[in-house]
Amino acid sequence: MSDPLQVDPAALDAFPSTVRDLTDQNESARDFRGEWLSLSSTSGRLFFAVTQAFQKKRCRLGAN
């Protein structure tokens, strides 16, 4: 038989704050992704291979 579930009330009270912090961090990461990793292949400033690498990174960040 498994041990009974024990919950620390202080940890339970801190949980919403932790989730809110993670939400803020996710929002910041999306802003960063949008500003720095959104490059078009027609911009003429970068080679196609570099643009393609940025797009792959952007997709990976978007999946998180």
PDB file of N, CA and C in Angstrom:
ATOM      1  N   MET A   1       0.844  -1.182   0.000  1.00  0.00           N
ATOM      2  CA  MET A   1       0.000   0.000   0.000  1.00  0.00           C
ATOM      3  C   MET A   1       0.887   1.242   0.000  1.00  0.00           C
ATOM      4  N   SER A   2       0.491   2.251  -0.728  1.00  0.00           N
ATOM      5  CA  SER A   2       1.313   3.455  -0.840  1.00  0.00           C
ATOM      6  C   SER A   2       1.132   4.348   0.395  1.00  0.00           C
ATOM      7  N   ASP A   3       2.101   5.254   0.554  1.00  0.00           N
ATOM      8  CA  ASP A   3       2.041   6.197   1.668  1.00  0.00           C
ATOM      9  C   ASP A   3       0.911   7.191   1.450  1.00  0.00           C
ATOM     10  N   PRO A   4       0.332   7.696   2.535  1.00  0.00           N
ATOM     11  CA  PRO A   4      -0.736   8.691   2.368  1.00  0.00           C
ATOM     12  C   PRO A   4      -0.173   9.991   1.791  1.00  0.00           C
ATOM     13  N   LEU A   5      -0.988  10.680   1.046  1.00  0.00           N
ATOM     14  CA  LEU A   5      -0.592  11.936   0.427  1.00  0.00           C
ATOM     15  C   LEU A   5      -0.455  13.007   1.501  1.00  0.00           C
ATOM     16  N   GLN A   6       0.688  13.683   1.492  1.00  0.00           N
ATOM     17  CA  GLN A   6       0.918  14.775   2.431  1.00  0.00           C
ATOM     18  C   GLN A   6       1.205  16.040   1.627  1.00  0.00           C
ATOM     19  N   VAL A   7       0.485  17.097   1.943  1.00  0.00           N
ATOM     20  CA  VAL A   7       0.627  18.354   1.229  1.00  0.00           C
ATOM     21  C   VAL A   7       1.078  19.432   2.195  1.00  0.00           C
ATOM     22  N   ASP A   8       2.105  20.165   1.790  1.00  0.00           N
ATOM     23  CA  ASP A   8       2.579  21.301   2.575  1.00  0.00           C
ATOM     24  C   ASP A   8       1.710  22.507   2.216  1.00  0.00           C
ATOM     25  N   PRO A   9       0.942  23.038   3.168  1.00  0.00           N
ATOM     26  CA  PRO A   9       0.051  24.165   2.853  1.00  0.00           C
ATOM     27  C   PRO A   9       0.787  25.380   2.283  1.00  0.00           C
ATOM     28  N   ALA A  10       1.991  25.646   2.745  1.00  0.00           N
ATOM     29  CA  ALA A  10       2.758  26.787   2.236  1.00  0.00           C
ATOM     30  C   ALA A  10       3.106  26.583   0.762  1.00  0.00           C
ATOM     31  N   ALA A  11       3.480  25.368   0.396  1.00  0.00           N
ATOM     32  CA  ALA A  11       3.806  25.067  -1.002  1.00  0.00           C
ATOM     33  C   ALA A  11       2.555  25.161  -1.869  1.00  0.00           C
ATOM     34  N   LEU A  12       1.434  24.732  -1.332  1.00  0.00           N
ATOM     35  CA  LEU A  12       0.177  24.810  -2.075  1.00  0.00           C
ATOM     36  C   LEU A  12      -0.239  26.260  -2.295  1.00  0.00           C
ATOM     37  N   ASP A  13      -0.023  27.107  -1.305  1.00  0.00           N
ATOM     38  CA  ASP A  13      -0.344  28.531  -1.439  1.00  0.00           C
ATOM     39  C   ASP A  13       0.577  29.221  -2.440  1.00  0.00           C
ATOM     40  N   ALA A  14       1.821  28.761  -2.561  1.00  0.00           N
ATOM     41  CA  ALA A  14       2.794  29.381  -3.465  1.00  0.00           C
ATOM     42  C   ALA A  14       2.612  28.936  -4.915  1.00  0.00           C
ATOM     43  N   PHE A  15       1.873  27.874  -5.141  1.00  0.00           N
ATOM     44  CA  PHE A  15       1.726  27.325  -6.487  1.00  0.00           C
ATOM     45  C   PHE A  15       1.170  28.324  -7.505  1.00  0.00           C
ATOM     46  N   PRO A  16       0.091  29.052  -7.223  1.00  0.00           N
ATOM     47  CA  PRO A  16      -0.418  30.011  -8.229  1.00  0.00           C
ATOM     48  C   PRO A  16       0.610  31.078  -8.600  1.00  0.00           C
ATOM     49  N   SER A  17       1.388  31.515  -7.633  1.00  0.00           N
ATOM     50  CA  SER A  17       2.425  32.510  -7.908  1.00  0.00           C
ATOM     51  C   SER A  17       3.494  31.934  -8.832  1.00  0.00           C
ATOM     52  N   THR A  18       3.847  30.693  -8.605  1.00  0.00           N
ATOM     53  CA  THR A  18       4.842  30.026  -9.444  1.00  0.00           C
ATOM     54  C   THR A  18       4.336  29.889 -10.871  1.00  0.00           C
ATOM     55  N   VAL A  19       3.081  29.516 -11.027  1.00  0.00           N
ATOM     56  CA  VAL A  19       2.494  29.375 -12.370  1.00  0.00           C
ATOM     57  C   VAL A  19       2.445  30.743 -13.056  1.00  0.00           C
ATOM     58  N   ARG A  20       2.101  31.791 -12.307  1.00  0.00           N
ATOM     59  CA  ARG A  20       2.054  33.141 -12.878  1.00  0.00           C
ATOM     60  C   ARG A  20       3.447  33.565 -13.343  1.00  0.00           C
ATOM     61  N   ASP A  21       4.489  33.246 -12.554  1.00  0.00           N
ATOM     62  CA  ASP A  21       5.864  33.563 -12.948  1.00  0.00           C
ATOM     63  C   ASP A  21       6.249  32.837 -14.230  1.00  0.00           C
ATOM     64  N   LEU A  22       5.857  31.577 -14.339  1.00  0.00           N
ATOM     65  CA  LEU A  22       6.154  30.817 -15.557  1.00  0.00           C
ATOM     66  C   LEU A  22       5.418  31.411 -16.760  1.00  0.00           C
ATOM     67  N   THR A  23       4.212  31.879 -16.554  1.00  0.00           N
ATOM     68  CA  THR A  23       3.455  32.524 -17.628  1.00  0.00           C
ATOM     69  C   THR A  23       4.165  33.780 -18.099  1.00  0.00           C
ATOM     70  N   ASP A  24       4.659  34.574 -17.158  1.00  0.00           N
ATOM     71  CA  ASP A  24       5.392  35.794 -17.516  1.00  0.00           C
ATOM     72  C   ASP A  24       6.667  35.473 -18.285  1.00  0.00           C
ATOM     73  N   GLN A  25       7.374  34.427 -17.849  1.00  0.00           N
ATOM     74  CA  GLN A  25       8.600  34.030 -18.537  1.00  0.00           C
ATOM     75  C   GLN A  25       8.293  33.548 -19.950  1.00  0.00           C
ATOM     76  N   ASN A  26       7.197  32.821 -20.110  1.00  0.00           N
ATOM     77  CA  ASN A  26       6.806  32.336 -21.431  1.00  0.00           C
ATOM     78  C   ASN A  26       6.468  33.502 -22.346  1.00  0.00           C
ATOM     79  N   GLU A  27       5.771  34.491 -21.807  1.00  0.00           N
ATOM     80  CA  GLU A  27       5.430  35.675 -22.587  1.00  0.00           C
ATOM     81  C   GLU A  27       6.686  36.412 -23.039  1.00  0.00           C
ATOM     82  N   SER A  28       7.644  36.521 -22.142  1.00  0.00           N
ATOM     83  CA  SER A  28       8.910  37.176 -22.468  1.00  0.00           C
ATOM     84  C   SER A  28       9.655  36.407 -23.554  1.00  0.00           C
ATOM     85  N   ALA A  29       9.650  35.086 -23.463  1.00  0.00           N
ATOM     86  CA  ALA A  29      10.319  34.261 -24.473  1.00  0.00           C
ATOM     87  C   ALA A  29       9.640  34.411 -25.836  1.00  0.00           C
ATOM     88  N   ARG A  30       8.325  34.499 -25.861  1.00  0.00           N
ATOM     89  CA  ARG A  30       7.613  34.697 -27.132  1.00  0.00           C
ATOM     90  C   ARG A  30       7.943  36.053 -27.741  1.00  0.00           C
ATOM     91  N   ASP A  31       8.020  37.077 -26.893  1.00  0.00           N
ATOM     92  CA  ASP A  31       8.396  38.402 -27.394  1.00  0.00           C
ATOM     93  C   ASP A  31       9.791  38.378 -27.999  1.00  0.00           C
ATOM     94  N   PHE A  32      10.726  37.720 -27.314  1.00  0.00           N
ATOM     95  CA  PHE A  32      12.100  37.594 -27.804  1.00  0.00           C
ATOM     96  C   PHE A  32      12.113  36.861 -29.140  1.00  0.00           C
ATOM     97  N   ARG A  33      11.400  35.768 -29.189  1.00  0.00           N
ATOM     98  CA  ARG A  33      11.331  34.981 -30.426  1.00  0.00           C
ATOM     99  C   ARG A  33      10.789  35.825 -31.564  1.00  0.00           C
ATOM    100  N   GLY A  34       9.733  36.551 -31.314  1.00  0.00           N
ATOM    101  CA  GLY A  34       9.133  37.363 -32.356  1.00  0.00           C
ATOM    102  C   GLY A  34      10.037  38.478 -32.831  1.00  0.00           C
ATOM    103  N   GLU A  35      10.787  39.069 -31.904  1.00  0.00           N
ATOM    104  CA  GLU A  35      11.644  40.199 -32.271  1.00  0.00           C
ATOM    105  C   GLU A  35      12.935  39.768 -32.953  1.00  0.00           C
ATOM    106  N   TRP A  36      13.567  38.725 -32.471  1.00  0.00           N
ATOM    107  CA  TRP A  36      14.910  38.377 -32.940  1.00  0.00           C
ATOM    108  C   TRP A  36      14.978  37.189 -33.882  1.00  0.00           C
ATOM    109  N   LEU A  37      13.982  36.337 -33.880  1.00  0.00           N
ATOM    110  CA  LEU A  37      14.074  35.128 -34.693  1.00  0.00           C
ATOM    111  C   LEU A  37      13.065  35.094 -35.838  1.00  0.00           C
ATOM    112  N   SER A  38      12.391  36.179 -36.092  1.00  0.00           N
ATOM    113  CA  SER A  38      11.449  36.251 -37.211  1.00  0.00           C
ATOM    114  C   SER A  38      12.106  36.990 -38.367  1.00  0.00           C
ATOM    115  N   LEU A  39      12.729  36.247 -39.221  1.00  0.00           N
ATOM    116  CA  LEU A  39      13.417  36.829 -40.373  1.00  0.00           C
ATOM    117  C   LEU A  39      12.836  36.249 -41.651  1.00  0.00           C
ATOM    118  N   SER A  40      12.640  37.076 -42.632  1.00  0.00           N
ATOM    119  CA  SER A  40      12.181  36.570 -43.915  1.00  0.00           C
ATOM    120  C   SER A  40      13.385  36.199 -44.774  1.00  0.00           C
ATOM    121  N   SER A  41      13.186  35.250 -45.638  1.00  0.00           N
ATOM    122  CA  SER A  41      14.287  34.820 -46.499  1.00  0.00           C
ATOM    123  C   SER A  41      14.556  35.833 -47.606  1.00  0.00           C
ATOM    124  N   THR A  42      13.697  36.821 -47.767  1.00  0.00           N
ATOM    125  CA  THR A  42      13.881  37.831 -48.808  1.00  0.00           C
ATOM    126  C   THR A  42      14.473  39.127 -48.266  1.00  0.00           C
ATOM    127  N   SER A  43      14.877  39.148 -47.025  1.00  0.00           N
ATOM    128  CA  SER A  43      15.379  40.388 -46.428  1.00  0.00           C
ATOM    129  C   SER A  43      16.693  40.837 -47.041  1.00  0.00           C
ATOM    130  N   GLY A  44      17.467  39.940 -47.592  1.00  0.00           N
ATOM    131  CA  GLY A  44      18.717  40.303 -48.238  1.00  0.00           C
ATOM    132  C   GLY A  44      19.859  40.566 -47.270  1.00  0.00           C
ATOM    133  N   ARG A  45      19.582  40.545 -45.976  1.00  0.00           N
ATOM    134  CA  ARG A  45      20.640  40.816 -45.001  1.00  0.00           C
ATOM    135  C   ARG A  45      21.386  39.556 -44.580  1.00  0.00           C
ATOM    136  N   LEU A  46      20.769  38.419 -44.748  1.00  0.00           N
ATOM    137  CA  LEU A  46      21.379  37.167 -44.300  1.00  0.00           C
ATOM    138  C   LEU A  46      21.320  36.133 -45.411  1.00  0.00           C
ATOM    139  N   PHE A  47      22.203  35.199 -45.355  1.00  0.00           N
ATOM    140  CA  PHE A  47      22.168  34.095 -46.300  1.00  0.00           C
ATOM    141  C   PHE A  47      20.997  33.183 -45.976  1.00  0.00           C
ATOM    142  N   PHE A  48      20.549  32.449 -46.973  1.00  0.00           N
ATOM    143  CA  PHE A  48      19.397  31.571 -46.806  1.00  0.00           C
ATOM    144  C   PHE A  48      19.627  30.531 -45.714  1.00  0.00           C
ATOM    145  N   ALA A  49      20.803  29.974 -45.631  1.00  0.00           N
ATOM    146  CA  ALA A  49      21.079  28.932 -44.631  1.00  0.00           C
ATOM    147  C   ALA A  49      20.945  29.474 -43.214  1.00  0.00           C
ATOM    148  N   VAL A  50      21.382  30.694 -42.989  1.00  0.00           N
ATOM    149  CA  VAL A  50      21.264  31.295 -41.658  1.00  0.00           C
ATOM    150  C   VAL A  50      19.801  31.554 -41.334  1.00  0.00           C
ATOM    151  N   THR A  51      19.057  32.053 -42.288  1.00  0.00           N
ATOM    152  CA  THR A  51      17.632  32.306 -42.089  1.00  0.00           C
ATOM    153  C   THR A  51      16.905  31.006 -41.785  1.00  0.00           C
ATOM    154  N   GLN A  52      17.269  29.977 -42.491  1.00  0.00           N
ATOM    155  CA  GLN A  52      16.655  28.676 -42.266  1.00  0.00           C
ATOM    156  C   GLN A  52      16.957  28.176 -40.852  1.00  0.00           C
ATOM    157  N   ALA A  53      18.173  28.372 -40.371  1.00  0.00           N
ATOM    158  CA  ALA A  53      18.534  27.963 -39.016  1.00  0.00           C
ATOM    159  C   ALA A  53      17.723  28.741 -37.983  1.00  0.00           C
ATOM    160  N   PHE A  54      17.534  30.031 -38.201  1.00  0.00           N
ATOM    161  CA  PHE A  54      16.718  30.830 -37.287  1.00  0.00           C
ATOM    162  C   PHE A  54      15.273  30.335 -37.274  1.00  0.00           C
ATOM    163  N   GLN A  55      14.753  30.004 -38.425  1.00  0.00           N
ATOM    164  CA  GLN A  55      13.373  29.532 -38.491  1.00  0.00           C
ATOM    165  C   GLN A  55      13.211  28.215 -37.737  1.00  0.00           C
ATOM    166  N   LYS A  56      14.203  27.338 -37.815  1.00  0.00           N
ATOM    167  CA  LYS A  56      14.151  26.081 -37.078  1.00  0.00           C
ATOM    168  C   LYS A  56      14.138  26.353 -35.579  1.00  0.00           C
ATOM    169  N   LYS A  57      14.992  27.275 -35.137  1.00  0.00           N
ATOM    170  CA  LYS A  57      15.034  27.630 -33.706  1.00  0.00           C
ATOM    171  C   LYS A  57      13.712  28.229 -33.280  1.00  0.00           C
ATOM    172  N   ARG A  58      13.142  29.075 -34.132  1.00  0.00           N
ATOM    173  CA  ARG A  58      11.871  29.717 -33.819  1.00  0.00           C
ATOM    174  C   ARG A  58      10.770  28.677 -33.673  1.00  0.00           C
ATOM    175  N   CYS A  59      10.742  27.692 -34.533  1.00  0.00           N
ATOM    176  CA  CYS A  59       9.752  26.638 -34.451  1.00  0.00           C
ATOM    177  C   CYS A  59       9.913  25.833 -33.171  1.00  0.00           C
ATOM    178  N   ARG A  60      11.152  25.539 -32.819  1.00  0.00           N
ATOM    179  CA  ARG A  60      11.397  24.790 -31.592  1.00  0.00           C
ATOM    180  C   ARG A  60      10.945  25.579 -30.366  1.00  0.00           C
ATOM    181  N   LEU A  61      11.198  26.876 -30.346  1.00  0.00           N
ATOM    182  CA  LEU A  61      10.756  27.698 -29.226  1.00  0.00           C
ATOM    183  C   LEU A  61       9.234  27.800 -29.194  1.00  0.00           C
ATOM    184  N   GLY A  62       8.643  27.841 -30.351  1.00  0.00           N
ATOM    185  CA  GLY A  62       7.184  27.915 -30.417  1.00  0.00           C
ATOM    186  C   GLY A  62       6.521  26.657 -29.895  1.00  0.00           C
ATOM    187  N   ALA A  63       7.171  25.513 -30.042  1.00  0.00           N
ATOM    188  CA  ALA A  63       6.623  24.254 -29.569  1.00  0.00           C
ATOM    189  C   ALA A  63       6.618  24.172 -28.049  1.00  0.00           C
ATOM    190  N   ASN A  64       7.487  24.949 -27.424  1.00  0.00           N
ATOM    191  CA  ASN A  64       7.538  24.936 -25.948  1.00  0.00           C
ATOM    192  C   ASN A  64       6.464  25.826 -25.433  1.00  0.00           C
TER     193      ASN A  64
END
